[in-house]
Each structure stands twice: as structure tokens, then as C-alpha cells.
Amino acid sequence: MVRMGWKLAGALTALLLSTGAAQAREFAGVRVPEEVTLQGRQLSLAHVELHQMFFFKVYVWSLYFEHPPRAKDEAISSNCIKRLQLRFLRHVTREQLVDAFRDGLARNAALRHSPLSDDLERLLGSLKDVPKGGELTLTYVPGGGLQVEGEATHGVHIGGKPFADALFVSWLENHPIFAN
């Protein structure tokens, strides 16, 4: 009877693990869930991609939406939970991270003028060296603003939607995932 219990427990564990594996992708050695739950809401994976510099793998980024959009404008204008998550595949210094953010956001005129430029400086000021395997997560929650978390930051909250919109506009211009 005890043996039967262990076999049943083993079978259930295997079933749960295989179900979990079906709900995640492995991309460049990083497990990326197909869905994540935040504040009781389901977010679906919209895109995952490897970022390389020359021939070095730097990070895998994934983009989640509560309501998956069909176009960039819809992705920006929708007032739903959005998450950009970066998992670093190598050590990146604070200076490298700040330079990459500045370069990536430089084309967005809205981020060069106050008050959004002040918000950008707060975000950049929160960044720190990130170890291999570390994360940087930027999550917009309607009514709550943008929350920046993970090993690559000291953590910062930027209230409102305008800064989050500007950040996602810049990201999606630099990393187009929707057909024109």
C-alpha cells in the first residue's frame, strides 16, 4: 500500500512537471513561461527573443500582455498590464546597462523633455551591475504605473502611464514584433 502511494505520488509529480514544461519555452537556455499571473490576472507571452552583441549572447527578453495586441499602436494605447522581462546570459556592468538604455531611448523625443526625462533619470539611477542569470523586469499596471524590479536594479516605481508608454514605444520601435 505504501509503495502504491509513492508510485501514485511519483506519477502525479511527473504529470505536473510535464504540464508545466508544456506551458513554458526554452529559448537560448532560458525557460520562458507562456503565461504569468500578476495580481490575479493572466498575461500571455507575445514575443521572446535573444539579444546579441557581435557574437556574444547578452540577454533573452520576453514581452507579456494581459490583452495580446495585434499592432504596435494597440500595444501602447491599451490600458492593461504589460511586462518586459530581460534575463541576462552574462555579467553586465551598470555603465553598460545605462548606456544601452540611453542609446535605445535616445530617439524618443518625449523622453528628452521634463517631466519624462526626470522619470528616465530615476530609472537609470536605479540600475546596477547585473550578474549572469539576473533579471530586469519592467511592469506597467493600470492605475499604478511602472514597477522596475530584479537583480539589475535597486527597484523604482514611476507613477502614471506616460512614462510607461514612452518606454514601450521606444522598445517596440527598436524591437519591432508586429507586421507593419
C-alpha atoms as a PDB file:
ATOM      1  CA  MET A   1       0.000   0.000   0.000  1.00  0.00           C
ATOM      2  CA  VAL A   2       2.814   2.399   0.867  1.00  0.00           C
ATOM      3  CA  ARG A   3       4.563   1.519  -2.405  1.00  0.00           C
ATOM      4  CA  MET A   4       1.374   2.230  -4.322  1.00  0.00           C
ATOM      5  CA  GLY A   5       1.176   5.658  -2.633  1.00  0.00           C
ATOM      6  CA  TRP A   6       4.739   6.523  -3.668  1.00  0.00           C
ATOM      7  CA  LYS A   7       4.078   5.373  -7.231  1.00  0.00           C
ATOM      8  CA  LEU A   8       0.923   7.488  -7.382  1.00  0.00           C
ATOM      9  CA  ALA A   9       2.765  10.496  -5.953  1.00  0.00           C
ATOM     10  CA  GLY A  10       5.576   9.954  -8.474  1.00  0.00           C
ATOM     11  CA  ALA A  11       3.092   9.734 -11.351  1.00  0.00           C
ATOM     12  CA  LEU A  12       1.306  12.899 -10.204  1.00  0.00           C
ATOM     13  CA  THR A  13       4.605  14.759  -9.854  1.00  0.00           C
ATOM     14  CA  ALA A  14       5.649  13.680 -13.351  1.00  0.00           C
ATOM     15  CA  LEU A  15       2.277  14.815 -14.710  1.00  0.00           C
ATOM     16  CA  LEU A  16       2.561  18.210 -13.015  1.00  0.00           C
ATOM     17  CA  LEU A  17       6.112  18.690 -14.255  1.00  0.00           C
ATOM     18  CA  SER A  18       5.228  17.719 -17.807  1.00  0.00           C
ATOM     19  CA  THR A  19       2.214  20.047 -17.756  1.00  0.00           C
ATOM     20  CA  GLY A  20       4.457  22.885 -16.504  1.00  0.00           C
ATOM     21  CA  ALA A  21       7.008  22.143 -19.200  1.00  0.00           C
ATOM     22  CA  ALA A  22       4.318  22.383 -21.871  1.00  0.00           C
ATOM     23  CA  GLN A  23       3.472  25.854 -20.581  1.00  0.00           C
ATOM     24  CA  ALA A  24       6.998  27.216 -20.976  1.00  0.00           C
ATOM     25  CA  ARG A  25       9.508  27.527 -23.794  1.00  0.00           C
ATOM     26  CA  GLU A  26      13.223  27.172 -23.564  1.00  0.00           C
ATOM     27  CA  PHE A  27      14.971  29.889 -25.500  1.00  0.00           C
ATOM     28  CA  ALA A  28      18.781  30.138 -25.558  1.00  0.00           C
ATOM     29  CA  GLY A  29      18.828  28.068 -22.368  1.00  0.00           C
ATOM     30  CA  VAL A  30      16.268  30.249 -20.563  1.00  0.00           C
ATOM     31  CA  ARG A  31      12.845  28.911 -19.556  1.00  0.00           C
ATOM     32  CA  VAL A  32      10.224  31.436 -20.632  1.00  0.00           C
ATOM     33  CA  PRO A  33       6.674  30.832 -19.353  1.00  0.00           C
ATOM     34  CA  GLU A  34       3.863  31.076 -21.903  1.00  0.00           C
ATOM     35  CA  GLU A  35       1.773  32.817 -19.234  1.00  0.00           C
ATOM     36  CA  VAL A  36       2.421  34.643 -15.972  1.00  0.00           C
ATOM     37  CA  THR A  37      -0.072  35.689 -13.320  1.00  0.00           C
ATOM     38  CA  LEU A  38       0.103  39.165 -11.781  1.00  0.00           C
ATOM     39  CA  GLN A  39      -2.430  40.496  -9.324  1.00  0.00           C
ATOM     40  CA  GLY A  40      -4.720  37.596 -10.216  1.00  0.00           C
ATOM     41  CA  ARG A  41      -4.615  38.436 -13.936  1.00  0.00           C
ATOM     42  CA  GLN A  42      -3.178  36.247 -16.710  1.00  0.00           C
ATOM     43  CA  LEU A  43      -0.577  37.729 -19.041  1.00  0.00           C
ATOM     44  CA  SER A  44       0.288  35.935 -22.276  1.00  0.00           C
ATOM     45  CA  LEU A  45       3.691  35.786 -23.895  1.00  0.00           C
ATOM     46  CA  ALA A  46       3.606  37.976 -27.018  1.00  0.00           C
ATOM     47  CA  HIS A  47       7.252  37.659 -28.035  1.00  0.00           C
ATOM     48  CA  VAL A  48      10.597  36.251 -26.921  1.00  0.00           C
ATOM     49  CA  GLU A  49      13.966  36.994 -28.485  1.00  0.00           C
ATOM     50  CA  LEU A  50      17.698  36.673 -27.912  1.00  0.00           C
ATOM     51  CA  HIS A  51      19.730  39.891 -27.898  1.00  0.00           C
ATOM     52  CA  GLN A  52      23.334  39.531 -29.066  1.00  0.00           C
ATOM     53  CA  MET A  53      26.236  41.978 -29.324  1.00  0.00           C
ATOM     54  CA  PHE A  54      28.510  40.775 -32.068  1.00  0.00           C
ATOM     55  CA  PHE A  55      28.669  37.049 -31.316  1.00  0.00           C
ATOM     56  CA  PHE A  56      28.036  37.349 -27.539  1.00  0.00           C
ATOM     57  CA  LYS A  57      24.650  36.313 -26.162  1.00  0.00           C
ATOM     58  CA  VAL A  58      23.674  39.138 -23.791  1.00  0.00           C
ATOM     59  CA  TYR A  59      20.062  38.532 -22.698  1.00  0.00           C
ATOM     60  CA  VAL A  60      16.770  36.902 -23.580  1.00  0.00           C
ATOM     61  CA  TRP A  61      13.855  39.312 -23.493  1.00  0.00           C
ATOM     62  CA  SER A  62      10.200  38.452 -23.290  1.00  0.00           C
ATOM     63  CA  LEU A  63       7.136  40.645 -23.616  1.00  0.00           C
ATOM     64  CA  TYR A  64       3.805  39.846 -21.952  1.00  0.00           C
ATOM     65  CA  PHE A  65       0.380  41.469 -22.258  1.00  0.00           C
ATOM     66  CA  GLU A  66      -2.839  40.982 -20.349  1.00  0.00           C
ATOM     67  CA  HIS A  67      -4.698  41.515 -23.642  1.00  0.00           C
ATOM     68  CA  PRO A  68      -2.423  40.461 -26.530  1.00  0.00           C
ATOM     69  CA  PRO A  69      -2.356  43.271 -29.131  1.00  0.00           C
ATOM     70  CA  ARG A  70      -2.373  42.892 -32.909  1.00  0.00           C
ATOM     71  CA  ALA A  71      -0.367  46.061 -33.633  1.00  0.00           C
ATOM     72  CA  LYS A  72       2.198  48.345 -32.007  1.00  0.00           C
ATOM     73  CA  ASP A  73      -0.291  51.203 -31.533  1.00  0.00           C
ATOM     74  CA  GLU A  74      -2.699  48.846 -29.775  1.00  0.00           C
ATOM     75  CA  ALA A  75       0.143  47.524 -27.584  1.00  0.00           C
ATOM     76  CA  ILE A  76       0.947  51.069 -26.458  1.00  0.00           C
ATOM     77  CA  SER A  77      -2.536  52.521 -26.090  1.00  0.00           C
ATOM     78  CA  SER A  78      -4.114  49.573 -24.268  1.00  0.00           C
ATOM     79  CA  ASN A  79      -4.523  50.226 -20.575  1.00  0.00           C
ATOM     80  CA  CYS A  80      -3.736  46.694 -19.418  1.00  0.00           C
ATOM     81  CA  ILE A  81      -0.882  45.040 -17.566  1.00  0.00           C
ATOM     82  CA  LYS A  82       2.289  44.819 -19.692  1.00  0.00           C
ATOM     83  CA  ARG A  83       5.615  43.274 -18.758  1.00  0.00           C
ATOM     84  CA  LEU A  84       9.041  43.416 -20.355  1.00  0.00           C
ATOM     85  CA  GLN A  85      11.423  40.916 -18.815  1.00  0.00           C
ATOM     86  CA  LEU A  86      15.142  40.560 -19.521  1.00  0.00           C
ATOM     87  CA  ARG A  87      17.157  37.545 -18.322  1.00  0.00           C
ATOM     88  CA  PHE A  88      20.890  38.197 -18.630  1.00  0.00           C
ATOM     89  CA  LEU A  89      23.125  35.482 -20.026  1.00  0.00           C
ATOM     90  CA  ARG A  90      26.330  37.220 -18.948  1.00  0.00           C
ATOM     91  CA  HIS A  91      27.512  39.771 -16.402  1.00  0.00           C
ATOM     92  CA  VAL A  92      26.662  43.327 -17.487  1.00  0.00           C
ATOM     93  CA  THR A  93      28.009  46.386 -15.692  1.00  0.00           C
ATOM     94  CA  ARG A  94      25.832  49.271 -14.604  1.00  0.00           C
ATOM     95  CA  GLU A  95      27.571  51.540 -17.111  1.00  0.00           C
ATOM     96  CA  GLN A  96      26.867  49.138 -19.978  1.00  0.00           C
ATOM     97  CA  LEU A  97      23.222  48.887 -18.928  1.00  0.00           C
ATOM     98  CA  VAL A  98      22.786  52.666 -18.608  1.00  0.00           C
ATOM     99  CA  ASP A  99      24.480  53.233 -21.995  1.00  0.00           C
ATOM    100  CA  ALA A 100      22.231  50.627 -23.640  1.00  0.00           C
ATOM    101  CA  PHE A 101      19.101  52.243 -22.172  1.00  0.00           C
ATOM    102  CA  ARG A 102      20.227  55.726 -23.230  1.00  0.00           C
ATOM    103  CA  ASP A 103      21.023  54.525 -26.765  1.00  0.00           C
ATOM    104  CA  GLY A 104      17.734  52.661 -27.054  1.00  0.00           C
ATOM    105  CA  LEU A 105      15.624  55.520 -25.733  1.00  0.00           C
ATOM    106  CA  ALA A 106      17.507  58.397 -27.394  1.00  0.00           C
ATOM    107  CA  ARG A 107      15.227  58.552 -30.441  1.00  0.00           C
ATOM    108  CA  ASN A 108      12.118  59.122 -28.350  1.00  0.00           C
ATOM    109  CA  ALA A 109      11.739  62.911 -28.106  1.00  0.00           C
ATOM    110  CA  ALA A 110       9.189  62.582 -25.292  1.00  0.00           C
ATOM    111  CA  LEU A 111      11.901  61.144 -23.032  1.00  0.00           C
ATOM    112  CA  ARG A 112      14.228  64.092 -23.623  1.00  0.00           C
ATOM    113  CA  HIS A 113      11.896  66.636 -22.022  1.00  0.00           C
ATOM    114  CA  SER A 114      10.602  67.031 -18.454  1.00  0.00           C
ATOM    115  CA  PRO A 115       8.791  65.502 -16.683  1.00  0.00           C
ATOM    116  CA  LEU A 116       9.503  62.245 -18.563  1.00  0.00           C
ATOM    117  CA  SER A 117      13.236  62.970 -18.703  1.00  0.00           C
ATOM    118  CA  ASP A 118      13.169  63.166 -14.889  1.00  0.00           C
ATOM    119  CA  ASP A 119      11.446  59.766 -14.788  1.00  0.00           C
ATOM    120  CA  LEU A 120      14.074  58.377 -17.161  1.00  0.00           C
ATOM    121  CA  GLU A 121      16.844  59.617 -14.869  1.00  0.00           C
ATOM    122  CA  ARG A 122      15.126  57.912 -11.917  1.00  0.00           C
ATOM    123  CA  LEU A 123      15.027  54.654 -13.878  1.00  0.00           C
ATOM    124  CA  LEU A 124      18.668  54.959 -14.963  1.00  0.00           C
ATOM    125  CA  GLY A 125      19.680  55.875 -11.413  1.00  0.00           C
ATOM    126  CA  SER A 126      18.135  52.643 -10.134  1.00  0.00           C
ATOM    127  CA  LEU A 127      20.226  50.393 -12.408  1.00  0.00           C
ATOM    128  CA  LYS A 128      23.183  48.425 -11.097  1.00  0.00           C
ATOM    129  CA  ASP A 129      25.582  45.689 -12.188  1.00  0.00           C
ATOM    130  CA  VAL A 130      23.669  42.572 -13.132  1.00  0.00           C
ATOM    131  CA  PRO A 131      25.126  39.099 -12.671  1.00  0.00           C
ATOM    132  CA  LYS A 132      24.821  36.296 -15.193  1.00  0.00           C
ATOM    133  CA  GLY A 133      21.332  34.850 -14.703  1.00  0.00           C
ATOM    134  CA  GLY A 134      19.997  38.112 -13.236  1.00  0.00           C
ATOM    135  CA  GLU A 135      16.779  39.767 -14.374  1.00  0.00           C
ATOM    136  CA  LEU A 136      15.357  43.178 -15.091  1.00  0.00           C
ATOM    137  CA  THR A 137      11.571  43.351 -15.105  1.00  0.00           C
ATOM    138  CA  LEU A 138       9.546  46.417 -16.129  1.00  0.00           C
ATOM    139  CA  THR A 139       5.841  46.013 -15.404  1.00  0.00           C
ATOM    140  CA  TYR A 140       3.105  48.556 -16.134  1.00  0.00           C
ATOM    141  CA  VAL A 141      -0.068  48.188 -14.070  1.00  0.00           C
ATOM    142  CA  PRO A 142      -3.048  50.453 -14.892  1.00  0.00           C
ATOM    143  CA  GLY A 143      -3.596  52.969 -12.122  1.00  0.00           C
ATOM    144  CA  GLY A 144      -0.284  52.027 -10.544  1.00  0.00           C
ATOM    145  CA  GLY A 145       2.415  52.971 -13.030  1.00  0.00           C
ATOM    146  CA  LEU A 146       5.674  51.268 -13.933  1.00  0.00           C
ATOM    147  CA  GLN A 147       7.424  48.999 -11.450  1.00  0.00           C
ATOM    148  CA  VAL A 148      11.100  48.181 -12.140  1.00  0.00           C
ATOM    149  CA  GLU A 149      12.452  45.124 -10.320  1.00  0.00           C
ATOM    150  CA  GLY A 150      15.110  42.435 -10.415  1.00  0.00           C
ATOM    151  CA  GLU A 151      18.812  41.964  -9.790  1.00  0.00           C
ATOM    152  CA  ALA A 152      19.691  44.695 -12.323  1.00  0.00           C
ATOM    153  CA  THR A 153      18.036  47.456 -10.285  1.00  0.00           C
ATOM    154  CA  HIS A 154      17.686  48.832  -6.790  1.00  0.00           C
ATOM    155  CA  GLY A 155      13.983  48.998  -7.665  1.00  0.00           C
ATOM    156  CA  VAL A 156      11.949  52.031  -8.611  1.00  0.00           C
ATOM    157  CA  HIS A 157       8.300  52.890  -9.123  1.00  0.00           C
ATOM    158  CA  ILE A 158       7.315  55.532 -11.682  1.00  0.00           C
ATOM    159  CA  GLY A 159       3.667  56.537 -11.380  1.00  0.00           C
ATOM    160  CA  GLY A 160       1.268  57.109 -14.249  1.00  0.00           C
ATOM    161  CA  LYS A 161       1.020  55.820 -17.809  1.00  0.00           C
ATOM    162  CA  PRO A 162       3.002  58.423 -19.872  1.00  0.00           C
ATOM    163  CA  PHE A 163       6.478  57.181 -18.952  1.00  0.00           C
ATOM    164  CA  ALA A 164       5.490  53.524 -19.384  1.00  0.00           C
ATOM    165  CA  ASP A 165       4.005  54.371 -22.792  1.00  0.00           C
ATOM    166  CA  ALA A 166       7.177  56.181 -23.866  1.00  0.00           C
ATOM    167  CA  LEU A 167       9.315  53.267 -22.709  1.00  0.00           C
ATOM    168  CA  PHE A 168       7.203  50.678 -24.569  1.00  0.00           C
ATOM    169  CA  VAL A 169       7.098  52.899 -27.698  1.00  0.00           C
ATOM    170  CA  SER A 170      10.897  53.022 -27.696  1.00  0.00           C
ATOM    171  CA  TRP A 171      11.234  49.295 -27.040  1.00  0.00           C
ATOM    172  CA  LEU A 172       8.831  48.339 -29.825  1.00  0.00           C
ATOM    173  CA  GLU A 173      10.472  50.752 -32.294  1.00  0.00           C
ATOM    174  CA  ASN A 174      13.882  49.244 -31.563  1.00  0.00           C
ATOM    175  CA  HIS A 175      12.496  45.669 -31.462  1.00  0.00           C
ATOM    176  CA  PRO A 176       9.628  45.507 -33.959  1.00  0.00           C
ATOM    177  CA  ILE A 177       7.432  42.484 -33.353  1.00  0.00           C
ATOM    178  CA  PHE A 178       4.315  43.493 -35.283  1.00  0.00           C
ATOM    179  CA  ALA A 179       3.866  43.479 -39.079  1.00  0.00           C
ATOM    180  CA  ASN A 180       3.525  46.991 -40.491  1.00  0.00           C
END
